[in-house]
Amino acid sequence: MATHFLLTAKARTLSLKDIYQGGEDKAFALFCQLRWPETDGEPVCPKCGCVDAYHITTRRKFKCKACSHQYSPTSGTMFASRKMAYVDLLAAICIIVNGAKGISALQLARDLDCQHKMSIGAEP
């Protein structure tokens, strides 16, 4: 009998404990790495495609040197315009992916201590 994928070691690459221990900086770096894997996490402007950008550290955003467009790793994704911390967004992804039978928006909101309107599947 074959073992279910969620029970294997390959499925246990991301845990809530690791996410929250890593902190906001590590979560931001992981979002950058996932968004721009071809440049090894270095930002690419979604407007003009330029790879030269200023890093706005106080707002965790980037500003393109060519067109002055400001963007973040979540720009143009379903996470855009969310005001949640990157750690909480990553935790929400972890909870949803690790749930074998799925999870409701209300349960996710309770787990993350936010309004259900702010959780991943809900419309802003």
PDB file of N, CA and C in Angstrom:
ATOM      1  N   MET A   1       0.836  -1.175   0.000  1.00  0.00           N
ATOM      2  CA  MET A   1       0.000   0.000   0.000  1.00  0.00           C
ATOM      3  C   MET A   1       0.884   1.242   0.000  1.00  0.00           C
ATOM      4  N   ALA A   2       0.567   2.193  -0.847  1.00  0.00           N
ATOM      5  CA  ALA A   2       1.355   3.415  -0.982  1.00  0.00           C
ATOM      6  C   ALA A   2       1.043   4.379   0.164  1.00  0.00           C
ATOM      7  N   THR A   3       2.057   5.118   0.578  1.00  0.00           N
ATOM      8  CA  THR A   3       1.902   6.109   1.635  1.00  0.00           C
ATOM      9  C   THR A   3       1.369   7.400   1.023  1.00  0.00           C
ATOM     10  N   HIS A   4       0.440   8.026   1.718  1.00  0.00           N
ATOM     11  CA  HIS A   4      -0.111   9.300   1.259  1.00  0.00           C
ATOM     12  C   HIS A   4       1.008  10.347   1.239  1.00  0.00           C
ATOM     13  N   PHE A   5       0.984  11.234   0.223  1.00  0.00           N
ATOM     14  CA  PHE A   5       2.049  12.211   0.059  1.00  0.00           C
ATOM     15  C   PHE A   5       2.212  13.097   1.288  1.00  0.00           C
ATOM     16  N   LEU A   6       1.125  13.505   1.935  1.00  0.00           N
ATOM     17  CA  LEU A   6       1.210  14.396   3.091  1.00  0.00           C
ATOM     18  C   LEU A   6       1.897  13.748   4.287  1.00  0.00           C
ATOM     19  N   LEU A   7       2.049  12.432   4.262  1.00  0.00           N
ATOM     20  CA  LEU A   7       2.724  11.731   5.353  1.00  0.00           C
ATOM     21  C   LEU A   7       4.218  11.544   5.090  1.00  0.00           C
ATOM     22  N   THR A   8       4.681  11.896   3.911  1.00  0.00           N
ATOM     23  CA  THR A   8       6.089  11.712   3.576  1.00  0.00           C
ATOM     24  C   THR A   8       6.928  12.897   4.047  1.00  0.00           C
ATOM     25  N   ALA A   9       8.234  12.710   4.062  1.00  0.00           N
ATOM     26  CA  ALA A   9       9.152  13.768   4.502  1.00  0.00           C
ATOM     27  C   ALA A   9       9.197  14.921   3.498  1.00  0.00           C
ATOM     28  N   LYS A  10       8.952  14.652   2.215  1.00  0.00           N
ATOM     29  CA  LYS A  10       8.955  15.710   1.201  1.00  0.00           C
ATOM     30  C   LYS A  10       7.868  16.753   1.451  1.00  0.00           C
ATOM     31  N   ALA A  11       6.766  16.327   2.033  1.00  0.00           N
ATOM     32  CA  ALA A  11       5.639  17.233   2.268  1.00  0.00           C
ATOM     33  C   ALA A  11       5.875  18.126   3.479  1.00  0.00           C
ATOM     34  N   ARG A  12       6.836  17.802   4.306  1.00  0.00           N
ATOM     35  CA  ARG A  12       7.071  18.571   5.531  1.00  0.00           C
ATOM     36  C   ARG A  12       8.247  19.537   5.362  1.00  0.00           C
ATOM     37  N   THR A  13       8.162  20.406   4.373  1.00  0.00           N
ATOM     38  CA  THR A  13       9.245  21.357   4.133  1.00  0.00           C
ATOM     39  C   THR A  13       8.975  22.713   4.763  1.00  0.00           C
ATOM     40  N   LEU A  14       7.732  23.000   5.104  1.00  0.00           N
ATOM     41  CA  LEU A  14       7.359  24.297   5.633  1.00  0.00           C
ATOM     42  C   LEU A  14       6.456  24.093   6.836  1.00  0.00           C
ATOM     43  N   SER A  15       6.889  24.551   7.989  1.00  0.00           N
ATOM     44  CA  SER A  15       6.073  24.403   9.186  1.00  0.00           C
ATOM     45  C   SER A  15       5.805  25.767   9.801  1.00  0.00           C
ATOM     46  N   LEU A  16       4.727  25.873  10.537  1.00  0.00           N
ATOM     47  CA  LEU A  16       4.385  27.137  11.209  1.00  0.00           C
ATOM     48  C   LEU A  16       5.474  27.561  12.180  1.00  0.00           C
ATOM     49  N   LYS A  17       6.053  26.598  12.859  1.00  0.00           N
ATOM     50  CA  LYS A  17       7.115  26.897  13.816  1.00  0.00           C
ATOM     51  C   LYS A  17       8.300  27.569  13.117  1.00  0.00           C
ATOM     52  N   ASP A  18       8.713  27.004  11.987  1.00  0.00           N
ATOM     53  CA  ASP A  18       9.835  27.582  11.232  1.00  0.00           C
ATOM     54  C   ASP A  18       9.502  28.972  10.691  1.00  0.00           C
ATOM     55  N   ILE A  19       8.264  29.150  10.253  1.00  0.00           N
ATOM     56  CA  ILE A  19       7.848  30.443   9.699  1.00  0.00           C
ATOM     57  C   ILE A  19       7.937  31.532  10.759  1.00  0.00           C
ATOM     58  N   TYR A  20       7.358  31.285  11.927  1.00  0.00           N
ATOM     59  CA  TYR A  20       7.338  32.314  12.952  1.00  0.00           C
ATOM     60  C   TYR A  20       8.694  32.492  13.633  1.00  0.00           C
ATOM     61  N   GLN A  21       9.505  31.459  13.678  1.00  0.00           N
ATOM     62  CA  GLN A  21      10.853  31.616  14.234  1.00  0.00           C
ATOM     63  C   GLN A  21      11.752  32.414  13.303  1.00  0.00           C
ATOM     64  N   GLY A  22      11.524  32.283  11.998  1.00  0.00           N
ATOM     65  CA  GLY A  22      12.339  33.002  11.028  1.00  0.00           C
ATOM     66  C   GLY A  22      12.119  34.501  11.061  1.00  0.00           C
ATOM     67  N   GLY A  23      10.911  34.922  11.321  1.00  0.00           N
ATOM     68  CA  GLY A  23      10.613  36.340  11.405  1.00  0.00           C
ATOM     69  C   GLY A  23      10.242  36.969  10.080  1.00  0.00           C
ATOM     70  N   GLU A  24       9.964  38.262  10.139  1.00  0.00           N
ATOM     71  CA  GLU A  24       9.473  39.025   8.997  1.00  0.00           C
ATOM     72  C   GLU A  24      10.510  39.139   7.878  1.00  0.00           C
ATOM     73  N   ASP A  25      11.766  39.335   8.233  1.00  0.00           N
ATOM     74  CA  ASP A  25      12.810  39.481   7.214  1.00  0.00           C
ATOM     75  C   ASP A  25      12.983  38.205   6.397  1.00  0.00           C
ATOM     76  N   LYS A  26      12.971  37.079   7.058  1.00  0.00           N
ATOM     77  CA  LYS A  26      13.120  35.805   6.359  1.00  0.00           C
ATOM     78  C   LYS A  26      11.896  35.512   5.486  1.00  0.00           C
ATOM     79  N   ALA A  27      10.708  35.862   5.969  1.00  0.00           N
ATOM     80  CA  ALA A  27       9.491  35.665   5.178  1.00  0.00           C
ATOM     81  C   ALA A  27       9.503  36.554   3.937  1.00  0.00           C
ATOM     82  N   PHE A  28       9.957  37.813   4.091  1.00  0.00           N
ATOM     83  CA  PHE A  28      10.063  38.724   2.952  1.00  0.00           C
ATOM     84  C   PHE A  28      11.058  38.185   1.924  1.00  0.00           C
ATOM     85  N   ALA A  29      12.193  37.686   2.399  1.00  0.00           N
ATOM     86  CA  ALA A  29      13.197  37.118   1.502  1.00  0.00           C
ATOM     87  C   ALA A  29      12.651  35.889   0.765  1.00  0.00           C
ATOM     88  N   LEU A  30      11.852  35.083   1.446  1.00  0.00           N
ATOM     89  CA  LEU A  30      11.266  33.906   0.815  1.00  0.00           C
ATOM     90  C   LEU A  30      10.255  34.308  -0.249  1.00  0.00           C
ATOM     91  N   PHE A  31       9.438  35.335   0.024  1.00  0.00           N
ATOM     92  CA  PHE A  31       8.513  35.834  -0.992  1.00  0.00           C
ATOM     93  C   PHE A  31       9.277  36.342  -2.211  1.00  0.00           C
ATOM     94  N   CYS A  32      10.381  37.051  -1.990  1.00  0.00           N
ATOM     95  CA  CYS A  32      11.210  37.530  -3.107  1.00  0.00           C
ATOM     96  C   CYS A  32      11.764  36.358  -3.904  1.00  0.00           C
ATOM     97  N   GLN A  33      12.251  35.355  -3.213  1.00  0.00           N
ATOM     98  CA  GLN A  33      12.821  34.175  -3.868  1.00  0.00           C
ATOM     99  C   GLN A  33      11.760  33.441  -4.690  1.00  0.00           C
ATOM    100  N   LEU A  34      10.563  33.325  -4.153  1.00  0.00           N
ATOM    101  CA  LEU A  34       9.492  32.629  -4.867  1.00  0.00           C
ATOM    102  C   LEU A  34       8.964  33.448  -6.037  1.00  0.00           C
ATOM    103  N   ARG A  35       8.945  34.765  -5.894  1.00  0.00           N
ATOM    104  CA  ARG A  35       8.414  35.626  -6.953  1.00  0.00           C
ATOM    105  C   ARG A  35       9.386  35.740  -8.127  1.00  0.00           C
ATOM    106  N   TRP A  36      10.666  35.835  -7.835  1.00  0.00           N
ATOM    107  CA  TRP A  36      11.662  36.032  -8.888  1.00  0.00           C
ATOM    108  C   TRP A  36      12.731  34.932  -8.845  1.00  0.00           C
ATOM    109  N   PRO A  37      12.378  33.689  -9.130  1.00  0.00           N
ATOM    110  CA  PRO A  37      13.363  32.608  -9.043  1.00  0.00           C
ATOM    111  C   PRO A  37      14.445  32.689 -10.126  1.00  0.00           C
ATOM    112  N   GLU A  38      14.115  33.267 -11.277  1.00  0.00           N
ATOM    113  CA  GLU A  38      15.091  33.331 -12.371  1.00  0.00           C
ATOM    114  C   GLU A  38      16.225  34.304 -12.076  1.00  0.00           C
ATOM    115  N   THR A  39      16.011  35.277 -11.181  1.00  0.00           N
ATOM    116  CA  THR A  39      17.070  36.222 -10.807  1.00  0.00           C
ATOM    117  C   THR A  39      17.559  35.967  -9.390  1.00  0.00           C
ATOM    118  N   ASP A  40      17.245  34.797  -8.855  1.00  0.00           N
ATOM    119  CA  ASP A  40      17.666  34.394  -7.514  1.00  0.00           C
ATOM    120  C   ASP A  40      17.155  35.358  -6.438  1.00  0.00           C
ATOM    121  N   GLY A  41      15.907  35.797  -6.590  1.00  0.00           N
ATOM    122  CA  GLY A  41      15.283  36.646  -5.585  1.00  0.00           C
ATOM    123  C   GLY A  41      15.514  38.131  -5.762  1.00  0.00           C
ATOM    124  N   GLU A  42      16.295  38.510  -6.771  1.00  0.00           N
ATOM    125  CA  GLU A  42      16.507  39.932  -7.039  1.00  0.00           C
ATOM    126  C   GLU A  42      15.271  40.477  -7.761  1.00  0.00           C
ATOM    127  N   PRO A  43      14.787  41.661  -7.359  1.00  0.00           N
ATOM    128  CA  PRO A  43      13.526  42.159  -7.910  1.00  0.00           C
ATOM    129  C   PRO A  43      13.595  42.521  -9.390  1.00  0.00           C
ATOM    130  N   VAL A  44      12.478  42.275 -10.067  1.00  0.00           N
ATOM    131  CA  VAL A  44      12.305  42.637 -11.469  1.00  0.00           C
ATOM    132  C   VAL A  44      11.053  43.494 -11.560  1.00  0.00           C
ATOM    133  N   CYS A  45      11.161  44.675 -12.143  1.00  0.00           N
ATOM    134  CA  CYS A  45      10.037  45.600 -12.237  1.00  0.00           C
ATOM    135  C   CYS A  45       8.918  44.976 -13.079  1.00  0.00           C
ATOM    136  N   PRO A  46       7.692  44.901 -12.530  1.00  0.00           N
ATOM    137  CA  PRO A  46       6.594  44.326 -13.304  1.00  0.00           C
ATOM    138  C   PRO A  46       6.116  45.236 -14.434  1.00  0.00           C
ATOM    139  N   LYS A  47       6.494  46.505 -14.375  1.00  0.00           N
ATOM    140  CA  LYS A  47       6.044  47.465 -15.383  1.00  0.00           C
ATOM    141  C   LYS A  47       6.963  47.498 -16.608  1.00  0.00           C
ATOM    142  N   CYS A  48       8.280  47.587 -16.376  1.00  0.00           N
ATOM    143  CA  CYS A  48       9.213  47.715 -17.509  1.00  0.00           C
ATOM    144  C   CYS A  48      10.193  46.549 -17.633  1.00  0.00           C
ATOM    145  N   GLY A  49      10.287  45.692 -16.615  1.00  0.00           N
ATOM    146  CA  GLY A  49      11.181  44.539 -16.685  1.00  0.00           C
ATOM    147  C   GLY A  49      12.620  44.823 -16.281  1.00  0.00           C
ATOM    148  N   CYS A  50      12.878  46.010 -15.778  1.00  0.00           N
ATOM    149  CA  CYS A  50      14.233  46.388 -15.362  1.00  0.00           C
ATOM    150  C   CYS A  50      14.628  45.633 -14.087  1.00  0.00           C
ATOM    151  N   VAL A  51      15.893  45.253 -13.997  1.00  0.00           N
ATOM    152  CA  VAL A  51      16.356  44.520 -12.821  1.00  0.00           C
ATOM    153  C   VAL A  51      17.081  45.416 -11.821  1.00  0.00           C
ATOM    154  N   ASP A  52      17.249  46.702 -12.137  1.00  0.00           N
ATOM    155  CA  ASP A  52      17.887  47.641 -11.217  1.00  0.00           C
ATOM    156  C   ASP A  52      16.801  48.330 -10.390  1.00  0.00           C
ATOM    157  N   ALA A  53      16.906  48.205  -9.082  1.00  0.00           N
ATOM    158  CA  ALA A  53      15.883  48.791  -8.218  1.00  0.00           C
ATOM    159  C   ALA A  53      16.494  49.245  -6.907  1.00  0.00           C
ATOM    160  N   TYR A  54      15.886  50.278  -6.345  1.00  0.00           N
ATOM    161  CA  TYR A  54      16.221  50.721  -4.999  1.00  0.00           C
ATOM    162  C   TYR A  54      15.390  49.907  -4.023  1.00  0.00           C
ATOM    163  N   HIS A  55      15.944  49.605  -2.880  1.00  0.00           N
ATOM    164  CA  HIS A  55      15.216  48.873  -1.846  1.00  0.00           C
ATOM    165  C   HIS A  55      14.717  49.872  -0.804  1.00  0.00           C
ATOM    166  N   ILE A  56      13.402  49.990  -0.664  1.00  0.00           N
ATOM    167  CA  ILE A  56      12.803  50.866   0.336  1.00  0.00           C
ATOM    168  C   ILE A  56      12.591  50.017   1.585  1.00  0.00           C
ATOM    169  N   THR A  57      13.528  50.075   2.505  1.00  0.00           N
ATOM    170  CA  THR A  57      13.523  49.161   3.649  1.00  0.00           C
ATOM    171  C   THR A  57      12.403  49.457   4.637  1.00  0.00           C
ATOM    172  N   THR A  58      11.998  50.715   4.756  1.00  0.00           N
ATOM    173  CA  THR A  58      10.964  51.054   5.741  1.00  0.00           C
ATOM    174  C   THR A  58       9.595  50.529   5.331  1.00  0.00           C
ATOM    175  N   ARG A  59       9.382  50.303   4.034  1.00  0.00           N
ATOM    176  CA  ARG A  59       8.079  49.849   3.561  1.00  0.00           C
ATOM    177  C   ARG A  59       8.129  48.471   2.916  1.00  0.00           C
ATOM    178  N   ARG A  60       9.299  47.841   2.891  1.00  0.00           N
ATOM    179  CA  ARG A  60       9.491  46.539   2.261  1.00  0.00           C
ATOM    180  C   ARG A  60       8.992  46.555   0.815  1.00  0.00           C
ATOM    181  N   LYS A  61       9.450  47.550   0.088  1.00  0.00           N
ATOM    182  CA  LYS A  61       9.109  47.691  -1.320  1.00  0.00           C
ATOM    183  C   LYS A  61      10.376  47.992  -2.112  1.00  0.00           C
ATOM    184  N   PHE A  62      10.207  47.996  -3.426  1.00  0.00           N
ATOM    185  CA  PHE A  62      11.287  48.324  -4.336  1.00  0.00           C
ATOM    186  C   PHE A  62      10.838  49.464  -5.235  1.00  0.00           C
ATOM    187  N   LYS A  63      11.799  50.268  -5.690  1.00  0.00           N
ATOM    188  CA  LYS A  63      11.516  51.346  -6.627  1.00  0.00           C
ATOM    189  C   LYS A  63      12.437  51.168  -7.824  1.00  0.00           C
ATOM    190  N   CYS A  64      11.839  51.051  -8.996  1.00  0.00           N
ATOM    191  CA  CYS A  64      12.586  50.825 -10.227  1.00  0.00           C
ATOM    192  C   CYS A  64      13.441  52.047 -10.552  1.00  0.00           C
ATOM    193  N   LYS A  65      14.698  51.815 -10.911  1.00  0.00           N
ATOM    194  CA  LYS A  65      15.585  52.912 -11.273  1.00  0.00           C
ATOM    195  C   LYS A  65      15.248  53.482 -12.649  1.00  0.00           C
ATOM    196  N   ALA A  66      14.624  52.698 -13.505  1.00  0.00           N
ATOM    197  CA  ALA A  66      14.320  53.150 -14.865  1.00  0.00           C
ATOM    198  C   ALA A  66      13.010  53.944 -14.938  1.00  0.00           C
ATOM    199  N   CYS A  67      11.926  53.393 -14.367  1.00  0.00           N
ATOM    200  CA  CYS A  67      10.610  54.024 -14.522  1.00  0.00           C
ATOM    201  C   CYS A  67      10.040  54.570 -13.216  1.00  0.00           C
ATOM    202  N   SER A  68      10.747  54.424 -12.108  1.00  0.00           N
ATOM    203  CA  SER A  68      10.327  54.910 -10.774  1.00  0.00           C
ATOM    204  C   SER A  68       9.046  54.266 -10.258  1.00  0.00           C
ATOM    205  N   HIS A  69       8.675  53.118 -10.788  1.00  0.00           N
ATOM    206  CA  HIS A  69       7.497  52.394 -10.313  1.00  0.00           C
ATOM    207  C   HIS A  69       7.823  51.688  -8.998  1.00  0.00           C
ATOM    208  N   GLN A  70       6.937  51.827  -8.003  1.00  0.00           N
ATOM    209  CA  GLN A  70       7.137  51.134  -6.732  1.00  0.00           C
ATOM    210  C   GLN A  70       6.350  49.831  -6.751  1.00  0.00           C
ATOM    211  N   TYR A  71       6.972  48.769  -6.265  1.00  0.00           N
ATOM    212  CA  TYR A  71       6.345  47.454  -6.263  1.00  0.00           C
ATOM    213  C   TYR A  71       6.904  46.612  -5.131  1.00  0.00           C
ATOM    214  N   SER A  72       6.211  45.528  -4.847  1.00  0.00           N
ATOM    215  CA  SER A  72       6.632  44.593  -3.801  1.00  0.00           C
ATOM    216  C   SER A  72       6.574  43.180  -4.375  1.00  0.00           C
ATOM    217  N   PRO A  73       7.015  42.191  -3.618  1.00  0.00           N
ATOM    218  CA  PRO A  73       6.934  40.815  -4.122  1.00  0.00           C
ATOM    219  C   PRO A  73       5.498  40.336  -4.323  1.00  0.00           C
ATOM    220  N   THR A  74       4.542  41.003  -3.702  1.00  0.00           N
ATOM    221  CA  THR A  74       3.147  40.591  -3.845  1.00  0.00           C
ATOM    222  C   THR A  74       2.402  41.376  -4.912  1.00  0.00           C
ATOM    223  N   SER A  75       3.025  42.374  -5.529  1.00  0.00           N
ATOM    224  CA  SER A  75       2.366  43.176  -6.564  1.00  0.00           C
ATOM    225  C   SER A  75       1.951  42.289  -7.731  1.00  0.00           C
ATOM    226  N   GLY A  76       0.704  42.454  -8.156  1.00  0.00           N
ATOM    227  CA  GLY A  76       0.199  41.685  -9.282  1.00  0.00           C
ATOM    228  C   GLY A  76      -0.202  40.267  -8.943  1.00  0.00           C
ATOM    229  N   THR A  77      -0.247  39.928  -7.675  1.00  0.00           N
ATOM    230  CA  THR A  77      -0.659  38.591  -7.249  1.00  0.00           C
ATOM    231  C   THR A  77      -1.939  38.704  -6.425  1.00  0.00           C
ATOM    232  N   MET A  78      -2.450  37.575  -5.999  1.00  0.00           N
ATOM    233  CA  MET A  78      -3.649  37.605  -5.164  1.00  0.00           C
ATOM    234  C   MET A  78      -3.373  38.197  -3.771  1.00  0.00           C
ATOM    235  N   PHE A  79      -2.107  38.363  -3.419  1.00  0.00           N
ATOM    236  CA  PHE A  79      -1.742  38.941  -2.127  1.00  0.00           C
ATOM    237  C   PHE A  79      -1.569  40.456  -2.204  1.00  0.00           C
ATOM    238  N   ALA A  80      -1.699  41.043  -3.377  1.00  0.00           N
ATOM    239  CA  ALA A  80      -1.529  42.489  -3.533  1.00  0.00           C
ATOM    240  C   ALA A  80      -2.600  43.228  -2.735  1.00  0.00           C
ATOM    241  N   SER A  81      -2.248  44.368  -2.214  1.00  0.00           N
ATOM    242  CA  SER A  81      -3.139  45.243  -1.442  1.00  0.00           C
ATOM    243  C   SER A  81      -3.554  44.640  -0.101  1.00  0.00           C
ATOM    244  N   ARG A  82      -2.899  43.608   0.335  1.00  0.00           N
ATOM    245  CA  ARG A  82      -3.158  43.055   1.661  1.00  0.00           C
ATOM    246  C   ARG A  82      -2.270  43.778   2.651  1.00  0.00           C
ATOM    247  N   LYS A  83      -2.792  44.028   3.822  1.00  0.00           N
ATOM    248  CA  LYS A  83      -2.007  44.739   4.829  1.00  0.00           C
ATOM    249  C   LYS A  83      -1.485  43.799   5.905  1.00  0.00           C
ATOM    250  N   MET A  84      -1.489  42.520   5.613  1.00  0.00           N
ATOM    251  CA  MET A  84      -0.982  41.539   6.565  1.00  0.00           C
ATOM    252  C   MET A  84       0.538  41.470   6.453  1.00  0.00           C
ATOM    253  N   ALA A  85       1.168  41.074   7.516  1.00  0.00           N
ATOM    254  CA  ALA A  85       2.619  40.891   7.516  1.00  0.00           C
ATOM    255  C   ALA A  85       2.969  39.691   6.628  1.00  0.00           C
ATOM    256  N   TYR A  86       4.178  39.696   6.104  1.00  0.00           N
ATOM    257  CA  TYR A  86       4.624  38.587   5.256  1.00  0.00           C
ATOM    258  C   TYR A  86       4.650  37.269   6.028  1.00  0.00           C
ATOM    259  N   VAL A  87       4.936  37.337   7.296  1.00  0.00           N
ATOM    260  CA  VAL A  87       4.931  36.124   8.130  1.00  0.00           C
ATOM    261  C   VAL A  87       3.525  35.536   8.183  1.00  0.00           C
ATOM    262  N   ASP A  88       2.519  36.395   8.358  1.00  0.00           N
ATOM    263  CA  ASP A  88       1.148  35.913   8.429  1.00  0.00           C
ATOM    264  C   ASP A  88       0.665  35.382   7.080  1.00  0.00           C
ATOM    265  N   LEU A  89       1.068  36.030   5.992  1.00  0.00           N
ATOM    266  CA  LEU A  89       0.707  35.516   4.667  1.00  0.00           C
ATOM    267  C   LEU A  89       1.324  34.143   4.434  1.00  0.00           C
ATOM    268  N   LEU A  90       2.582  33.993   4.823  1.00  0.00           N
ATOM    269  CA  LEU A  90       3.257  32.707   4.669  1.00  0.00           C
ATOM    270  C   LEU A  90       2.628  31.641   5.567  1.00  0.00           C
ATOM    271  N   ALA A  91       2.236  32.039   6.766  1.00  0.00           N
ATOM    272  CA  ALA A  91       1.557  31.104   7.670  1.00  0.00           C
ATOM    273  C   ALA A  91       0.211  30.673   7.084  1.00  0.00           C
ATOM    274  N   ALA A  92      -0.514  31.599   6.469  1.00  0.00           N
ATOM    275  CA  ALA A  92      -1.791  31.256   5.846  1.00  0.00           C
ATOM    276  C   ALA A  92      -1.588  30.262   4.708  1.00  0.00           C
ATOM    277  N   ILE A  93      -0.549  30.469   3.919  1.00  0.00           N
ATOM    278  CA  ILE A  93      -0.241  29.521   2.844  1.00  0.00           C
ATOM    279  C   ILE A  93       0.061  28.153   3.423  1.00  0.00           C
ATOM    280  N   CYS A  94       0.846  28.128   4.492  1.00  0.00           N
ATOM    281  CA  CYS A  94       1.210  26.864   5.141  1.00  0.00           C
ATOM    282  C   CYS A  94      -0.026  26.139   5.673  1.00  0.00           C
ATOM    283  N   ILE A  95      -0.921  26.875   6.318  1.00  0.00           N
ATOM    284  CA  ILE A  95      -2.133  26.266   6.883  1.00  0.00           C
ATOM    285  C   ILE A  95      -3.003  25.693   5.769  1.00  0.00           C
ATOM    286  N   ILE A  96      -3.166  26.446   4.679  1.00  0.00           N
ATOM    287  CA  ILE A  96      -4.014  25.993   3.579  1.00  0.00           C
ATOM    288  C   ILE A  96      -3.405  24.779   2.887  1.00  0.00           C
ATOM    289  N   VAL A  97      -2.117  24.827   2.617  1.00  0.00           N
ATOM    290  CA  VAL A  97      -1.461  23.734   1.893  1.00  0.00           C
ATOM    291  C   VAL A  97      -1.399  22.463   2.738  1.00  0.00           C
ATOM    292  N   ASN A  98      -1.182  22.600   4.029  1.00  0.00           N
ATOM    293  CA  ASN A  98      -1.061  21.423   4.890  1.00  0.00           C
ATOM    294  C   ASN A  98      -2.401  20.836   5.298  1.00  0.00           C
ATOM    295  N   GLY A  99      -3.484  21.553   5.067  1.00  0.00           N
ATOM    296  CA  GLY A  99      -4.810  21.025   5.398  1.00  0.00           C
ATOM    297  C   GLY A  99      -5.232  19.978   4.387  1.00  0.00           C
ATOM    298  N   ALA A 100      -5.389  18.745   4.816  1.00  0.00           N
ATOM    299  CA  ALA A 100      -5.713  17.659   3.899  1.00  0.00           C
ATOM    300  C   ALA A 100      -7.117  17.801   3.319  1.00  0.00           C
ATOM    301  N   LYS A 101      -8.048  18.331   4.096  1.00  0.00           N
ATOM    302  CA  LYS A 101      -9.424  18.451   3.626  1.00  0.00           C
ATOM    303  C   LYS A 101      -9.833  19.889   3.376  1.00  0.00           C
ATOM    304  N   GLY A 102      -8.890  20.795   3.388  1.00  0.00           N
ATOM    305  CA  GLY A 102      -9.215  22.196   3.176  1.00  0.00           C
ATOM    306  C   GLY A 102      -9.517  22.898   4.491  1.00  0.00           C
ATOM    307  N   ILE A 103      -9.745  24.197   4.400  1.00  0.00           N
ATOM    308  CA  ILE A 103     -10.003  24.994   5.595  1.00  0.00           C
ATOM    309  C   ILE A 103     -10.918  26.149   5.198  1.00  0.00           C
ATOM    310  N   SER A 104     -11.827  26.500   6.060  1.00  0.00           N
ATOM    311  CA  SER A 104     -12.739  27.606   5.767  1.00  0.00           C
ATOM    312  C   SER A 104     -12.058  28.941   6.044  1.00  0.00           C
ATOM    313  N   ALA A 105     -12.588  29.989   5.436  1.00  0.00           N
ATOM    314  CA  ALA A 105     -12.034  31.327   5.640  1.00  0.00           C
ATOM    315  C   ALA A 105     -12.186  31.753   7.090  1.00  0.00           C
ATOM    316  N   LEU A 106     -13.278  31.360   7.728  1.00  0.00           N
ATOM    317  CA  LEU A 106     -13.483  31.720   9.138  1.00  0.00           C
ATOM    318  C   LEU A 106     -12.479  31.027  10.045  1.00  0.00           C
ATOM    319  N   GLN A 107     -12.191  29.756   9.777  1.00  0.00           N
ATOM    320  CA  GLN A 107     -11.206  29.040  10.583  1.00  0.00           C
ATOM    321  C   GLN A 107      -9.811  29.634  10.386  1.00  0.00           C
ATOM    322  N   LEU A 108      -9.485  29.966   9.145  1.00  0.00           N
ATOM    323  CA  LEU A 108      -8.190  30.586   8.854  1.00  0.00           C
ATOM    324  C   LEU A 108      -8.076  31.927   9.573  1.00  0.00           C
ATOM    325  N   ALA A 109      -9.141  32.702   9.573  1.00  0.00           N
ATOM    326  CA  ALA A 109      -9.144  33.993  10.263  1.00  0.00           C
ATOM    327  C   ALA A 109      -8.951  33.808  11.765  1.00  0.00           C
ATOM    328  N   ARG A 110      -9.568  32.785  12.332  1.00  0.00           N
ATOM    329  CA  ARG A 110      -9.387  32.516  13.766  1.00  0.00           C
ATOM    330  C   ARG A 110      -7.957  32.086  14.065  1.00  0.00           C
ATOM    331  N   ASP A 111      -7.380  31.261  13.201  1.00  0.00           N
ATOM    332  CA  ASP A 111      -6.006  30.791  13.409  1.00  0.00           C
ATOM    333  C   ASP A 111      -4.993  31.921  13.313  1.00  0.00           C
ATOM    334  N   LEU A 112      -5.245  32.876  12.407  1.00  0.00           N
ATOM    335  CA  LEU A 112      -4.308  33.979  12.196  1.00  0.00           C
ATOM    336  C   LEU A 112      -4.653  35.221  13.006  1.00  0.00           C
ATOM    337  N   ASP A 113      -5.778  35.186  13.714  1.00  0.00           N
ATOM    338  CA  ASP A 113      -6.247  36.309  14.528  1.00  0.00           C
ATOM    339  C   ASP A 113      -6.416  37.571  13.675  1.00  0.00           C
ATOM    340  N   CYS A 114      -7.198  37.427  12.605  1.00  0.00           N
ATOM    341  CA  CYS A 114      -7.519  38.567  11.748  1.00  0.00           C
ATOM    342  C   CYS A 114      -8.982  38.437  11.313  1.00  0.00           C
ATOM    343  N   GLN A 115      -9.500  39.438  10.630  1.00  0.00           N
ATOM    344  CA  GLN A 115     -10.860  39.366  10.121  1.00  0.00           C
ATOM    345  C   GLN A 115     -10.910  38.412   8.945  1.00  0.00           C
ATOM    346  N   HIS A 116     -12.054  37.736   8.769  1.00  0.00           N
ATOM    347  CA  HIS A 116     -12.145  36.793   7.659  1.00  0.00           C
ATOM    348  C   HIS A 116     -12.084  37.508   6.315  1.00  0.00           C
ATOM    349  N   LYS A 117     -12.371  38.806   6.291  1.00  0.00           N
ATOM    350  CA  LYS A 117     -12.276  39.582   5.058  1.00  0.00           C
ATOM    351  C   LYS A 117     -10.821  39.751   4.635  1.00  0.00           C
ATOM    352  N   MET A 118      -9.894  39.631   5.584  1.00  0.00           N
ATOM    353  CA  MET A 118      -8.471  39.799   5.280  1.00  0.00           C
ATOM    354  C   MET A 118      -7.789  38.479   4.954  1.00  0.00           C
ATOM    355  N   SER A 119      -8.466  37.362   5.144  1.00  0.00           N
ATOM    356  CA  SER A 119      -7.802  36.085   4.902  1.00  0.00           C
ATOM    357  C   SER A 119      -7.662  35.836   3.398  1.00  0.00           C
ATOM    358  N   ILE A 120      -6.950  34.830   3.038  1.00  0.00           N
ATOM    359  CA  ILE A 120      -6.488  34.603   1.666  1.00  0.00           C
ATOM    360  C   ILE A 120      -7.622  34.508   0.647  1.00  0.00           C
ATOM    361  N   GLY A 121      -8.613  33.703   0.892  1.00  0.00           N
ATOM    362  CA  GLY A 121      -9.634  33.451  -0.110  1.00  0.00           C
ATOM    363  C   GLY A 121     -10.694  34.520  -0.218  1.00  0.00           C
ATOM    364  N   ALA A 122     -10.796  35.410   0.729  1.00  0.00           N
ATOM    365  CA  ALA A 122     -11.845  36.400   0.740  1.00  0.00           C
ATOM    366  C   ALA A 122     -11.514  37.579  -0.164  1.00  0.00           C
ATOM    367  N   GLU A 123     -12.535  38.171  -0.706  1.00  0.00           N
ATOM    368  CA  GLU A 123     -12.349  39.374  -1.529  1.00  0.00           C
ATOM    369  C   GLU A 123     -12.115  40.575  -0.633  1.00  0.00           C
ATOM    370  N   PRO A 124     -11.260  41.538  -1.043  1.00  0.00           N
ATOM    371  CA  PRO A 124     -10.994  42.715  -0.221  1.00  0.00           C
ATOM    372  C   PRO A 124     -12.174  43.660  -0.166  1.00  0.00           C
TER     373      PRO A 124
END
